[in-house]
Amino acid sequence: MFSIGELSKRTKVKVPTIRYYEEQGLLNAPERTEGNQRRYDAKGLERLSFIKHARDLGFSIEAISELIELQDHPDRSCQAATDIAVLQLSAVRTKIKRLRALEKELLRISKGCDGEGVTEDCYVLASLANHDLCEQDHSLRSD
């Protein structure tokens, strides 16, 4: 049995995050000692490691919940898990494409100023103030 602190050390997941995962239903509520301290078993450690790895790969809480549901029913087809992974891959590829556009625009903007002048004439500052000076849409945000 592991305390929440030990679980945190073993998985490198912060204690408040562990509590959050419990609140979200991703991690089962642990047993409690007479002193009301959480005690996690090996299954809790495995589940938290699964959640952390999925989060590291960028899966949303909702997707992880679906994956856990699938994991809890070993007789089901794994197609749903594959579909979730493919959807995440697509999202990552979209982000990479947008980040490459952002990189290209930042490179262009930074080369537009040699740093020798004054801020009044700085191309970097002018570009940030006027999106029309950009060569392409590179927004990472949708708002």
Foldseek 3Di string as FASTA:
>chain_A
DDFLVRLCVVQVPDSVVLVVCCVLVQAPFADADPVRTGDDDPVRSVSVNQVVVCVVLPQDSVLSVVVVVCVVPVVDDCVVVVVSVVVSVVVVVVLVVLVVLVVVQVVVQVVVAPPPDDPVPRSNVVCVVDVVVTPDDNDPDDD
